[in-house]
């Protein structure tokens, strides 16, 4: 049993929906920087050459679990773009998108070949595009120009990230939007998979601060479709063949409106969703910002229900579903979910669950602001070392685990239960089976769970990676261990079975990924 003190988090603010600020200070990297520190709330372990766990006193154990993997296909596949990051479109003007100016490229490369989306509420309220050097009427607007897209191309060249780019709809100007699309197509080439027109049009009439309304009360789905079709026609003339995704909304009515529109080059139906949104609620289980809710079956099941709505609309239209903006919670301000291990477990569970359901692209909404004083729900943030040091938070570490399943098709894994969630994929090209195990037991109450894994003949375990913590729900430090070879002996407190391919005690409150490879050396033995 492990007890730890909470990480002080006064003065930090949660990423609220997609309303973000822009740092005034920018950094230019003139020499290769040292490896940046991890974000507050995350330790990158570099003290091991083999996979190792901190099992506390290794005295309090959960009930043993037996997992069986077969090659029966279940659900979809994990595409590289199922792992991704969403940023405000105004971040296009940030010089740190240049790989020579920050470590952002390193954080993206750690996710494989991820989705990278630019949109958010500031797209329609604060972004001013010009290719002719104009100045905006509003001093609060952020000017984005062709050179910003050229800088973005440097980032995509360095990372293989695939971009979706928002075109502003707040001020109705199809020709300006089409001009931005044409420059994006020219600059980004194949790295640009689609543009979107506006962000969350269903919220255009909501008055708020800083996200003020941009349409009057006559605005509805029909008005949206009419305007987005005019934009699409202008885009088709200026950037022939450039696909368009939309509507970037939660509501099915708006998704159906986009899917049924006369836009010729539709790329996908795009949906937005945040797991915990009932900001005044204190109920557990519930949908309020309590850390326990992240790992409760209600939130897991609600993802299937809500994404099922988007998948239904997309399937009916013969289009894929992209979840272009998503995240742990849309509630503003620091709350009980900030920098908790349960948030990290939710991140990998939701990412793989959505992919298994059939979602083909996903982006977690984030920011480039400071780690301390910024948004603790962001996947990335800027460390105290300076604006060039962009680091990952514990949900970035969770996405690194999820990326280990990229290019794999989901296969059957049996034996999971309420406190042990599992996913298995087969990567045919690498001839590997990747098994993800989420232990939602609280490490403050138990140390580990004895686990055995049986995989198809010919495969043996070769490596593992993990995100762990000393408890599940208190704001604190998570630990990331990169994929490492399995040691010759693994601790195991269960009854040894000759038929099991892998037996070990799995740390409580952890997400662990095991890689099995065909014709690998013998699986490590177990020790009491």
Protein backbone atom coordinates (compact mmCIF):
# COMPACT_ATOMS: atom_id res chain seq x y z
CA UNK A 1 0.00 0.00 0.00
CA UNK A 2 1.37 3.42 -0.94
CA UNK A 3 0.49 6.88 0.35
CA UNK A 4 1.87 10.08 -1.10
CA UNK A 5 1.24 13.76 -0.71
CA UNK A 6 -0.58 15.66 -3.42
CA UNK A 7 1.35 17.83 -5.86
CA UNK A 8 0.66 21.48 -5.14
CA UNK A 9 -1.21 22.88 -8.09
CA UNK A 10 -2.30 26.34 -7.04
CA UNK A 11 -2.29 28.86 -9.80
CA UNK A 12 -2.68 26.52 -12.75
CA UNK A 13 -5.61 26.69 -15.09
CA UNK A 14 -7.41 23.98 -17.01
CA UNK A 15 -7.75 23.92 -20.78
CA UNK A 16 -11.39 24.94 -21.13
CA UNK A 17 -12.95 23.50 -24.24
CA UNK A 18 -10.85 25.21 -26.86
CA UNK A 19 -10.38 28.71 -25.44
CA UNK A 20 -6.65 29.35 -25.16
CA UNK A 21 -4.32 32.27 -24.72
CA UNK A 22 -1.22 33.01 -26.79
CA UNK A 23 2.20 33.46 -25.19
CA UNK A 24 3.83 36.75 -26.05
CA UNK A 25 7.35 35.45 -25.41
CA UNK A 26 8.78 33.35 -28.21
CA UNK A 27 11.97 31.36 -28.33
CA UNK A 28 14.52 30.80 -31.04
CA UNK A 29 16.78 27.77 -30.78
CA UNK A 30 20.24 28.60 -32.11
CA UNK A 31 22.04 25.55 -30.72
CA UNK A 32 20.91 22.02 -29.97
CA UNK A 33 19.35 22.20 -26.47
CA UNK A 34 19.80 19.61 -23.76
CA UNK A 35 16.99 17.12 -23.36
CA UNK A 36 14.16 19.20 -21.82
CA UNK A 37 12.81 18.31 -18.41
CA UNK A 38 9.49 16.58 -18.11
CA UNK A 39 6.38 18.56 -17.30
CA UNK A 40 5.19 19.05 -13.72
CA UNK A 41 3.41 15.85 -12.76
CA UNK A 42 5.50 13.55 -14.99
CA UNK A 43 8.86 11.85 -14.51
CA UNK A 44 10.62 10.32 -17.51
CA UNK A 45 12.48 7.37 -16.05
CA UNK A 46 15.97 6.91 -17.45
CA UNK A 47 17.42 4.73 -14.70
CA UNK A 48 16.63 1.32 -16.20
CA UNK A 49 17.97 -0.84 -19.00
CA UNK A 50 15.19 -3.41 -18.66
CA UNK A 51 11.49 -3.19 -17.87
CA UNK A 52 11.04 -2.69 -14.13
CA UNK A 53 8.10 -1.66 -11.94
CA UNK A 54 7.78 0.03 -8.55
CA UNK A 55 5.47 -2.36 -6.73
CA UNK A 56 5.69 -0.57 -3.38
CA UNK A 57 5.85 -3.01 -0.51
CA UNK A 58 4.60 -5.70 -2.89
CA UNK A 59 2.39 -6.98 -0.10
CA UNK A 60 -1.19 -6.03 -0.95
CA UNK A 61 -2.40 -7.81 -4.08
CA UNK A 62 -5.54 -7.78 -6.19
CA UNK A 63 -7.27 -10.90 -7.42
CA UNK A 64 -5.32 -12.67 -10.19
CA UNK A 65 -6.39 -12.10 -13.78
CA UNK A 66 -5.91 -14.48 -16.71
CA UNK A 67 -5.88 -12.99 -20.22
CA UNK A 68 -6.19 -14.98 -23.44
CA UNK A 69 -5.41 -13.48 -26.85
CA UNK A 70 -6.58 -14.97 -30.13
CA UNK A 71 -6.29 -13.86 -33.74
CA UNK A 72 -10.05 -13.29 -34.10
CA UNK A 73 -10.56 -9.74 -35.39
CA UNK A 74 -12.74 -7.46 -33.26
CA UNK A 75 -13.46 -3.90 -34.44
CA UNK A 76 -11.29 -1.58 -36.46
CA UNK A 77 -7.61 -0.77 -36.47
CA UNK A 78 -5.24 1.75 -34.92
CA UNK A 79 -4.10 4.20 -37.58
CA UNK A 80 -1.15 6.48 -36.87
CA UNK A 81 -3.60 9.42 -36.98
CA UNK A 82 -5.68 7.95 -34.16
CA UNK A 83 -3.00 9.53 -31.99
CA UNK A 84 -2.84 13.29 -32.37
CA UNK A 85 -2.82 16.82 -31.02
CA UNK A 86 -5.15 19.75 -31.71
CA UNK A 87 -4.00 23.35 -31.35
CA UNK A 88 -5.66 26.71 -31.72
CA UNK A 89 -5.43 27.97 -35.30
CA UNK A 90 -3.81 31.15 -34.01
CA UNK A 91 -0.82 29.00 -33.00
CA UNK A 92 0.05 28.95 -36.70
CA UNK A 93 1.71 32.32 -36.05
CA UNK A 94 3.94 30.87 -33.31
CA UNK A 95 7.59 30.75 -34.48
CA UNK A 96 8.11 27.67 -32.33
CA UNK A 97 6.44 25.52 -34.96
CA UNK A 98 9.83 25.67 -36.67
CA UNK A 99 11.84 22.59 -35.58
CA UNK A 100 14.86 24.86 -35.16
CA UNK A 101 13.01 27.00 -32.62
CA UNK A 102 11.66 24.46 -30.13
CA UNK A 103 11.32 20.82 -29.18
CA UNK A 104 7.76 20.53 -30.47
CA UNK A 105 8.97 18.30 -33.31
CA UNK A 106 10.45 15.89 -30.75
CA UNK A 107 7.18 15.64 -28.85
CA UNK A 108 5.30 14.90 -32.09
CA UNK A 109 7.85 12.32 -33.21
CA UNK A 110 7.38 10.51 -29.91
CA UNK A 111 3.78 9.91 -31.01
CA UNK A 112 4.72 8.28 -34.34
CA UNK A 113 3.20 10.00 -37.38
CA UNK A 114 0.39 11.79 -35.57
CA UNK A 115 -2.64 13.86 -36.49
CA UNK A 116 -2.07 17.60 -36.11
CA UNK A 117 -5.13 19.81 -36.23
CA UNK A 118 -5.42 23.62 -36.15
CA UNK A 119 -8.83 24.98 -35.19
CA UNK A 120 -10.48 25.91 -31.91
CA UNK A 121 -12.69 28.80 -30.88
CA UNK A 122 -10.08 31.40 -31.75
CA UNK A 123 -10.25 30.37 -35.41
CA UNK A 124 -13.55 32.22 -35.92
CA UNK A 125 -12.93 35.06 -33.49
CA UNK A 126 -9.25 36.03 -33.54
CA UNK A 127 -7.52 34.69 -36.66
CA UNK A 128 -6.92 37.08 -39.54
CA UNK A 129 -5.54 35.51 -42.73
CA UNK A 130 -3.80 37.65 -45.31
CA UNK A 131 -1.49 36.88 -48.21
CA UNK A 132 -1.10 40.54 -49.13
CA UNK A 133 0.19 42.15 -45.95
CA UNK A 134 -3.12 43.63 -44.77
CA UNK A 135 -3.65 44.65 -41.16
CA UNK A 136 -6.74 43.49 -39.22
CA UNK A 137 -9.29 45.95 -37.92
CA UNK A 138 -9.27 44.30 -34.49
CA UNK A 139 -6.03 44.66 -32.54
CA UNK A 140 -6.77 41.40 -30.73
CA UNK A 141 -6.59 39.42 -33.97
CA UNK A 142 -3.63 37.19 -34.71
CA UNK A 143 -2.33 37.60 -38.26
CA UNK A 144 -1.49 34.39 -40.12
CA UNK A 145 0.38 34.65 -43.43
CA UNK A 146 1.90 32.35 -46.08
CA UNK A 147 5.26 32.30 -44.32
CA UNK A 148 3.55 30.73 -41.29
CA UNK A 149 2.37 27.86 -43.48
CA UNK A 150 5.89 27.44 -44.86
CA UNK A 151 7.12 27.14 -41.29
CA UNK A 152 4.45 24.52 -40.62
CA UNK A 153 5.77 22.58 -43.61
CA UNK A 154 9.15 22.36 -41.89
CA UNK A 155 7.38 20.79 -38.92
CA UNK A 156 5.47 18.26 -41.00
CA UNK A 157 8.64 17.36 -42.91
CA UNK A 158 10.38 16.70 -39.59
CA UNK A 159 7.54 14.67 -38.07
CA UNK A 160 5.36 13.08 -40.77
CA UNK A 161 2.39 14.67 -39.03
CA UNK A 162 -0.80 14.89 -41.10
CA UNK A 163 -2.56 18.25 -40.85
CA UNK A 164 -6.14 19.43 -40.89
CA UNK A 165 -6.46 23.20 -41.10
CA UNK A 166 -9.38 25.40 -40.10
CA UNK A 167 -10.55 28.25 -42.34
CA UNK A 168 -12.22 31.15 -40.47
CA UNK A 169 -16.01 31.35 -40.84
CA UNK A 170 -16.71 33.90 -38.10
CA UNK A 171 -16.42 36.77 -40.58
CA UNK A 172 -18.09 35.40 -43.70
CA UNK A 173 -15.46 35.75 -46.43
CA UNK A 174 -15.30 32.74 -48.81
CA UNK A 175 -12.63 34.30 -51.02
CA UNK A 176 -10.29 34.95 -48.11
CA UNK A 177 -10.87 31.43 -46.81
CA UNK A 178 -10.19 29.98 -50.26
CA UNK A 179 -6.98 31.98 -50.51
CA UNK A 180 -5.81 30.49 -47.21
CA UNK A 181 -6.72 27.00 -48.46
CA UNK A 182 -4.79 27.50 -51.70
CA UNK A 183 -1.65 28.64 -49.89
CA UNK A 184 -1.97 25.74 -47.46
CA UNK A 185 -2.28 23.26 -50.32
CA UNK A 186 0.76 24.72 -52.03
CA UNK A 187 2.88 24.87 -48.86
CA UNK A 188 1.93 21.61 -47.15
CA UNK A 189 1.37 19.30 -50.09
CA UNK A 190 0.48 15.75 -49.06
CA UNK A 191 0.86 16.66 -45.37
CA UNK A 192 -2.47 18.54 -45.64
CA UNK A 193 -5.24 15.94 -45.54
CA UNK A 194 -8.19 18.36 -45.34
CA UNK A 195 -9.42 21.80 -44.41
CA UNK A 196 -12.42 22.53 -42.25
CA UNK A 197 -14.67 25.59 -42.47
CA UNK A 198 -15.26 27.13 -39.08
CA UNK A 199 -15.15 25.52 -35.66
CA UNK A 200 -18.20 24.38 -33.68
CA UNK A 201 -20.76 26.36 -35.70
CA UNK A 202 -23.41 25.21 -33.25
CA UNK A 203 -21.81 27.63 -30.75
CA UNK A 204 -21.79 30.70 -32.97
CA UNK A 205 -24.77 32.28 -31.17
CA UNK A 206 -23.54 31.66 -27.63
CA UNK A 207 -22.42 34.79 -25.83
CA UNK A 208 -19.37 34.33 -23.66
CA UNK A 209 -15.95 35.61 -22.79
CA UNK A 210 -13.65 35.38 -24.60
CA UNK A 211 -15.68 33.32 -27.06
CA UNK A 212 -18.21 35.96 -28.11
CA UNK A 213 -21.07 35.23 -30.47
CA UNK A 214 -20.44 35.61 -34.20
CA UNK A 215 -23.98 35.09 -35.56
CA UNK A 216 -27.45 36.34 -34.61
CA UNK A 217 -30.33 34.18 -33.46
CA UNK A 218 -31.40 33.33 -37.00
CA UNK A 219 -28.33 31.10 -37.33
CA UNK A 220 -29.17 27.43 -37.71
CA UNK A 221 -28.05 24.29 -39.55
CA UNK A 222 -29.57 25.44 -42.85
CA UNK A 223 -27.75 28.78 -42.65
CA UNK A 224 -24.54 26.95 -41.86
CA UNK A 225 -24.91 24.59 -44.81
CA UNK A 226 -25.58 27.49 -47.18
CA UNK A 227 -22.48 29.36 -46.05
CA UNK A 228 -20.20 26.34 -45.93
CA UNK A 229 -21.27 25.38 -49.47
CA UNK A 230 -20.27 28.86 -50.68
CA UNK A 231 -16.88 28.44 -49.01
CA UNK A 232 -16.48 24.97 -50.53
CA UNK A 233 -17.17 26.29 -54.02
CA UNK A 234 -14.53 28.99 -53.57
CA UNK A 235 -12.06 26.43 -52.20
CA UNK A 236 -12.71 24.12 -55.16
CA UNK A 237 -11.80 26.95 -57.56
CA UNK A 238 -8.70 28.07 -55.67
CA UNK A 239 -7.41 24.67 -54.46
CA UNK A 240 -8.83 21.96 -56.73
CA UNK A 241 -9.22 18.55 -55.14
CA UNK A 242 -8.61 19.74 -51.58
CA UNK A 243 -10.91 17.71 -49.28
CA UNK A 244 -13.12 19.35 -46.65
CA UNK A 245 -14.04 17.90 -43.24
CA UNK A 246 -16.86 19.14 -41.05
CA UNK A 247 -18.74 20.33 -39.16
CA UNK A 248 -16.49 20.05 -36.10
CA UNK A 249 -19.43 19.89 -33.71
CA UNK A 250 -20.91 17.69 -31.01
CA UNK A 251 -24.53 17.84 -32.14
CA UNK A 252 -25.75 15.17 -34.59
CA UNK A 253 -28.02 17.69 -36.36
CA UNK A 254 -25.00 19.70 -37.48
CA UNK A 255 -23.12 16.56 -38.50
CA UNK A 256 -26.08 15.47 -40.64
CA UNK A 257 -26.22 18.96 -42.16
CA UNK A 258 -22.61 18.75 -43.30
CA UNK A 259 -22.91 15.15 -44.46
CA UNK A 260 -25.98 15.99 -46.55
CA UNK A 261 -24.57 19.16 -48.07
CA UNK A 262 -23.61 19.59 -51.73
CA UNK A 263 -19.89 19.83 -50.94
CA UNK A 264 -18.21 17.65 -53.56
CA UNK A 265 -14.89 16.82 -51.90
CA UNK A 266 -15.90 15.71 -48.41
CA UNK A 267 -13.05 14.14 -46.44
CA UNK A 268 -14.86 13.10 -43.27
CA UNK A 269 -17.54 13.90 -40.74
CA UNK A 270 -15.79 15.56 -37.80
CA UNK A 271 -17.04 15.39 -34.23
CA UNK A 272 -15.96 17.06 -30.99
CA UNK A 273 -16.36 15.54 -27.53
CA UNK A 274 -15.05 16.04 -23.99
CA UNK A 275 -15.42 13.28 -21.42
CA UNK A 276 -16.25 15.34 -18.31
CA UNK A 277 -18.42 18.35 -19.03
CA UNK A 278 -20.87 18.74 -16.10
CA UNK A 279 -18.75 21.34 -14.37
CA UNK A 280 -21.01 21.88 -11.35
CA UNK A 281 -21.45 18.20 -10.58
CA UNK A 282 -19.69 16.49 -7.68
CA UNK A 283 -21.24 13.07 -8.23
CA UNK A 284 -19.19 9.90 -8.53
CA UNK A 285 -20.01 8.21 -10.78
CA UNK A 286 -20.98 11.13 -12.94
CA UNK A 287 -19.78 13.47 -15.67
CA UNK A 288 -18.34 16.13 -13.41
CA UNK A 289 -14.62 16.92 -13.03
CA UNK A 290 -13.82 14.31 -10.40
CA UNK A 291 -10.78 12.14 -11.05
CA UNK A 292 -12.62 8.95 -10.12
CA UNK A 293 -14.99 9.49 -13.05
CA UNK A 294 -12.22 9.00 -15.62
CA UNK A 295 -11.91 5.31 -14.84
CA UNK A 296 -15.57 4.59 -14.10
CA UNK A 297 -17.37 2.36 -16.62
CA UNK A 298 -20.00 5.09 -17.13
CA UNK A 299 -17.51 7.37 -18.88
CA UNK A 300 -16.09 4.48 -20.92
CA UNK A 301 -19.57 3.46 -22.05
CA UNK A 302 -20.64 7.03 -22.79
CA UNK A 303 -17.76 7.34 -25.27
CA UNK A 304 -19.16 4.39 -27.20
CA UNK A 305 -22.64 5.91 -27.13
CA UNK A 306 -21.63 9.43 -28.22
CA UNK A 307 -19.09 8.37 -30.80
CA UNK A 308 -21.67 5.89 -32.05
CA UNK A 309 -23.84 8.84 -33.04
CA UNK A 310 -21.06 10.33 -35.14
CA UNK A 311 -20.16 6.95 -36.60
CA UNK A 312 -23.80 6.44 -37.59
CA UNK A 313 -23.95 9.76 -39.44
CA UNK A 314 -20.60 9.10 -41.12
CA UNK A 315 -21.48 5.55 -42.15
CA UNK A 316 -24.78 6.67 -43.65
CA UNK A 317 -22.88 9.24 -45.74
CA UNK A 318 -20.15 6.79 -46.71
CA UNK A 319 -17.51 8.86 -44.90
CA UNK A 320 -15.04 8.20 -42.10
CA UNK A 321 -15.47 9.77 -38.67
CA UNK A 322 -12.70 12.02 -37.36
CA UNK A 323 -12.75 13.28 -33.77
CA UNK A 324 -10.89 16.50 -34.48
CA UNK A 325 -11.13 18.01 -31.01
CA UNK A 326 -11.41 16.06 -27.80
CA UNK A 327 -10.00 15.90 -24.31
CA UNK A 328 -10.52 14.95 -20.69
CA UNK A 329 -12.79 17.81 -19.65
CA UNK A 330 -14.24 21.05 -20.96
CA UNK A 331 -14.54 22.58 -17.47
CA UNK A 332 -12.50 25.77 -16.91
CA UNK A 333 -10.04 26.23 -14.08
CA UNK A 334 -7.97 23.73 -12.16
CA UNK A 335 -10.08 20.93 -10.70
CA UNK A 336 -9.74 17.51 -9.12
CA UNK A 337 -8.77 15.86 -12.40
CA UNK A 338 -5.68 18.01 -12.98
CA UNK A 339 -2.48 15.99 -13.36
CA UNK A 340 -3.91 12.77 -12.01
CA UNK A 341 -2.96 9.27 -13.07
CA UNK A 342 -6.62 8.53 -13.80
CA UNK A 343 -6.44 11.15 -16.57
CA UNK A 344 -3.51 9.30 -18.13
CA UNK A 345 -5.38 5.99 -17.95
CA UNK A 346 -8.46 7.59 -19.51
CA UNK A 347 -6.33 8.97 -22.35
CA UNK A 348 -5.02 5.62 -23.53
CA UNK A 349 -8.31 3.82 -22.87
CA UNK A 350 -10.34 6.39 -24.83
CA UNK A 351 -7.83 6.55 -27.69
CA UNK A 352 -7.81 2.79 -28.25
CA UNK A 353 -11.54 2.42 -27.55
CA UNK A 354 -12.40 5.04 -30.19
CA UNK A 355 -10.13 3.36 -32.73
CA UNK A 356 -11.71 0.00 -32.03
CA UNK A 357 -15.16 1.51 -32.56
CA UNK A 358 -14.06 2.79 -35.99
CA UNK A 359 -12.87 6.38 -35.47
CA UNK A 360 -10.10 6.97 -38.01
CA UNK A 361 -8.49 10.16 -36.71
CA UNK A 362 -8.34 11.83 -33.29
CA UNK A 363 -6.71 14.96 -31.85
CA UNK A 364 -6.44 15.91 -28.17
CA UNK A 365 -6.88 19.66 -27.75
CA UNK A 366 -3.77 21.29 -26.33
CA UNK A 367 -1.76 24.49 -26.05
CA UNK A 368 1.81 25.74 -26.21
CA UNK A 369 1.53 27.82 -23.03
CA UNK A 370 3.43 27.41 -19.78
CA UNK A 371 3.18 24.17 -17.84
CA UNK A 372 2.77 26.11 -14.60
CA UNK A 373 0.03 28.67 -15.01
CA UNK A 374 -1.17 27.05 -18.22
CA UNK A 375 -3.55 24.21 -18.92
CA UNK A 376 -2.84 20.97 -17.01
CA UNK A 377 -5.16 19.07 -19.36
CA UNK A 378 -2.99 19.95 -22.37
CA UNK A 379 -0.95 17.12 -23.86
CA UNK A 380 2.08 19.42 -24.19
CA UNK A 381 3.26 22.63 -22.54
CA UNK A 382 6.27 24.92 -22.20
CA UNK A 383 8.71 24.15 -19.40
CA UNK A 384 10.25 26.73 -17.06
CA UNK A 385 13.60 26.32 -18.85
CA UNK A 386 12.39 28.64 -21.59
CA UNK A 387 9.94 28.93 -24.47
CA UNK A 388 11.91 26.52 -26.67
CA UNK A 389 11.47 23.63 -24.22
CA UNK A 390 8.10 22.10 -25.11
CA UNK A 391 7.51 19.00 -23.01
CA UNK A 392 4.87 16.31 -22.65
CA UNK A 393 2.49 15.91 -19.73
CA UNK A 394 1.27 12.56 -18.42
CA UNK A 395 -1.41 12.29 -21.12
CA UNK A 396 1.38 12.71 -23.69
CA UNK A 397 3.07 9.72 -22.08
CA UNK A 398 -0.24 7.86 -22.37
CA UNK A 399 -0.41 8.68 -26.08
CA UNK A 400 3.12 7.34 -26.46
CA UNK A 401 1.82 4.03 -25.11
CA UNK A 402 -1.17 4.15 -27.48
CA UNK A 403 1.13 4.77 -30.44
CA UNK A 404 2.73 1.37 -29.83
CA UNK A 405 -0.49 -0.15 -31.23
CA UNK A 406 -0.37 1.93 -34.45
CA UNK A 407 -0.78 -0.03 -37.69
CA UNK A 408 -2.36 -2.89 -35.78
CA UNK A 409 -5.78 -4.50 -36.21
CA UNK A 410 -7.76 -5.24 -33.06
CA UNK A 411 -7.90 -8.90 -32.11
CA UNK A 412 -9.74 -10.71 -29.35
CA UNK A 413 -8.50 -10.61 -25.76
CA UNK A 414 -10.57 -12.27 -23.04
CA UNK A 415 -10.37 -12.14 -19.26
CA UNK A 416 -10.73 -8.40 -18.60
CA UNK A 417 -12.86 -7.13 -15.74
CA UNK A 418 -13.98 -3.82 -14.25
CA UNK A 419 -10.57 -2.99 -12.74
CA UNK A 420 -8.50 -4.45 -15.62
CA UNK A 421 -9.24 -3.13 -19.12
CA UNK A 422 -7.42 -4.61 -22.08
CA UNK A 423 -6.78 -4.18 -25.80
CA UNK A 424 -4.83 -6.34 -28.22
CA UNK A 425 -3.76 -5.65 -31.80
CA UNK A 426 -1.86 -7.60 -34.42
CA UNK A 427 0.64 -5.67 -36.52
CA UNK A 428 0.91 -7.87 -39.59
CA UNK A 429 3.86 -6.04 -41.12
CA UNK A 430 5.97 -6.43 -37.98
CA UNK A 431 4.33 -9.75 -37.07
CA UNK A 432 3.84 -8.54 -33.54
CA UNK A 433 1.00 -8.71 -31.04
CA UNK A 434 0.69 -5.65 -28.81
CA UNK A 435 -1.30 -6.02 -25.58
CA UNK A 436 -2.36 -2.98 -23.52
CA UNK A 437 -3.41 -3.52 -19.90
CA UNK A 438 -5.00 -0.76 -17.80
CA UNK A 439 -5.10 -1.43 -14.06
CA UNK A 440 -7.61 0.96 -12.53
CA UNK A 441 -7.08 -0.43 -9.02
CA UNK A 442 -5.82 2.38 -6.78
CA UNK A 443 -2.13 2.00 -5.94
CA UNK A 444 -2.90 3.75 -2.66
CA UNK A 445 -4.88 0.63 -1.69
CA UNK A 446 -3.10 -2.29 -3.37
CA UNK A 447 0.36 -2.78 -4.81
CA UNK A 448 -0.16 -5.06 -7.78
CA UNK A 449 -2.35 -7.58 -9.59
CA UNK A 450 -0.98 -11.02 -10.58
CA UNK A 451 -1.57 -11.44 -14.31
CA UNK A 452 -1.01 -14.19 -16.85
CA UNK A 453 -1.23 -13.72 -20.62
CA UNK A 454 -1.68 -16.50 -23.16
CA UNK A 455 -1.04 -15.58 -26.82
CA UNK A 456 -1.19 -17.62 -30.02
CA UNK A 457 1.56 -20.17 -30.60
CA UNK A 458 4.84 -18.85 -31.91
CA UNK A 459 4.78 -15.47 -30.14
CA UNK A 460 6.87 -14.52 -27.12
CA UNK A 461 7.05 -11.37 -25.01
CA UNK A 462 10.06 -9.18 -25.81
CA UNK A 463 9.42 -5.71 -24.37
CA UNK A 464 7.13 -3.54 -22.27
CA UNK A 465 6.45 0.12 -21.52
CA UNK A 466 4.46 1.70 -18.71
CA UNK A 467 2.95 4.83 -17.19
CA UNK A 468 2.53 4.39 -13.43
CA UNK A 469 1.89 6.41 -10.29
CA UNK A 470 1.66 6.05 -6.52
CA UNK A 471 -2.11 6.52 -6.55
CA UNK A 472 -4.97 6.94 -8.97
CA UNK A 473 -6.84 10.13 -8.18
CA UNK A 474 -4.63 12.63 -6.31
CA UNK A 475 -2.76 15.31 -8.29
CA UNK A 476 0.78 13.97 -8.25
CA UNK A 477 3.68 12.65 -10.32
CA UNK A 478 3.22 9.96 -12.97
CA UNK A 479 6.20 7.95 -14.20
CA UNK A 480 6.86 7.03 -17.82
CA UNK A 481 9.12 4.11 -18.70
CA UNK A 482 9.99 3.82 -22.38
CA UNK A 483 9.75 0.44 -24.15
CA UNK A 484 12.49 -1.76 -22.74
CA UNK A 485 13.38 -5.45 -22.95
CA UNK A 486 11.79 -7.72 -20.39
CA UNK A 487 14.21 -9.00 -17.74
CA UNK A 488 15.15 -12.65 -17.30
CA UNK A 489 12.95 -12.89 -14.20
CA UNK A 490 9.64 -11.21 -13.47
CA UNK A 491 7.95 -10.95 -10.06
CA UNK A 492 4.78 -13.05 -9.93
CA UNK A 493 2.64 -13.85 -6.90
CA UNK A 494 0.08 -16.08 -8.60
CA UNK A 495 0.08 -19.80 -9.20
CA UNK A 496 2.63 -20.62 -11.89
CA UNK A 497 1.24 -22.25 -15.04
CA UNK A 498 3.40 -23.90 -17.66
CA UNK A 499 0.96 -22.99 -20.44
CA UNK A 500 0.99 -19.20 -19.89
CA UNK A 501 3.20 -17.16 -22.22
CA UNK A 502 3.72 -14.34 -19.73
CA UNK A 503 3.18 -14.17 -15.96
CA UNK A 504 3.93 -11.18 -13.76
CA UNK A 505 2.53 -8.86 -11.14
CA UNK A 506 1.28 -5.64 -12.78
CA UNK A 507 1.55 -2.38 -10.90
CA UNK A 508 -1.76 -0.94 -9.67
CA UNK A 509 -2.90 2.36 -11.23
CA UNK A 510 -0.78 1.70 -14.30
CA UNK A 511 -1.08 1.45 -18.06
CA UNK A 512 1.29 -1.18 -19.43
CA UNK A 513 1.95 -2.22 -23.02
CA UNK A 514 3.51 -5.61 -23.81
CA UNK A 515 5.01 -6.47 -27.18
CA UNK A 516 4.98 -10.10 -28.35
CA UNK A 517 6.96 -11.08 -31.41
CA UNK A 518 6.93 -14.23 -33.49
CA UNK A 519 10.03 -16.40 -33.21
CA UNK A 520 11.34 -14.30 -30.36
CA UNK A 521 13.62 -15.77 -27.72
CA UNK A 522 12.04 -17.63 -24.82
CA UNK A 523 9.73 -15.62 -22.56
CA UNK A 524 11.31 -14.54 -19.26
CA UNK A 525 10.76 -16.82 -16.30
CA UNK A 526 8.89 -15.72 -13.20
CA UNK A 527 9.99 -15.49 -9.61
CA UNK A 528 8.11 -15.47 -6.35
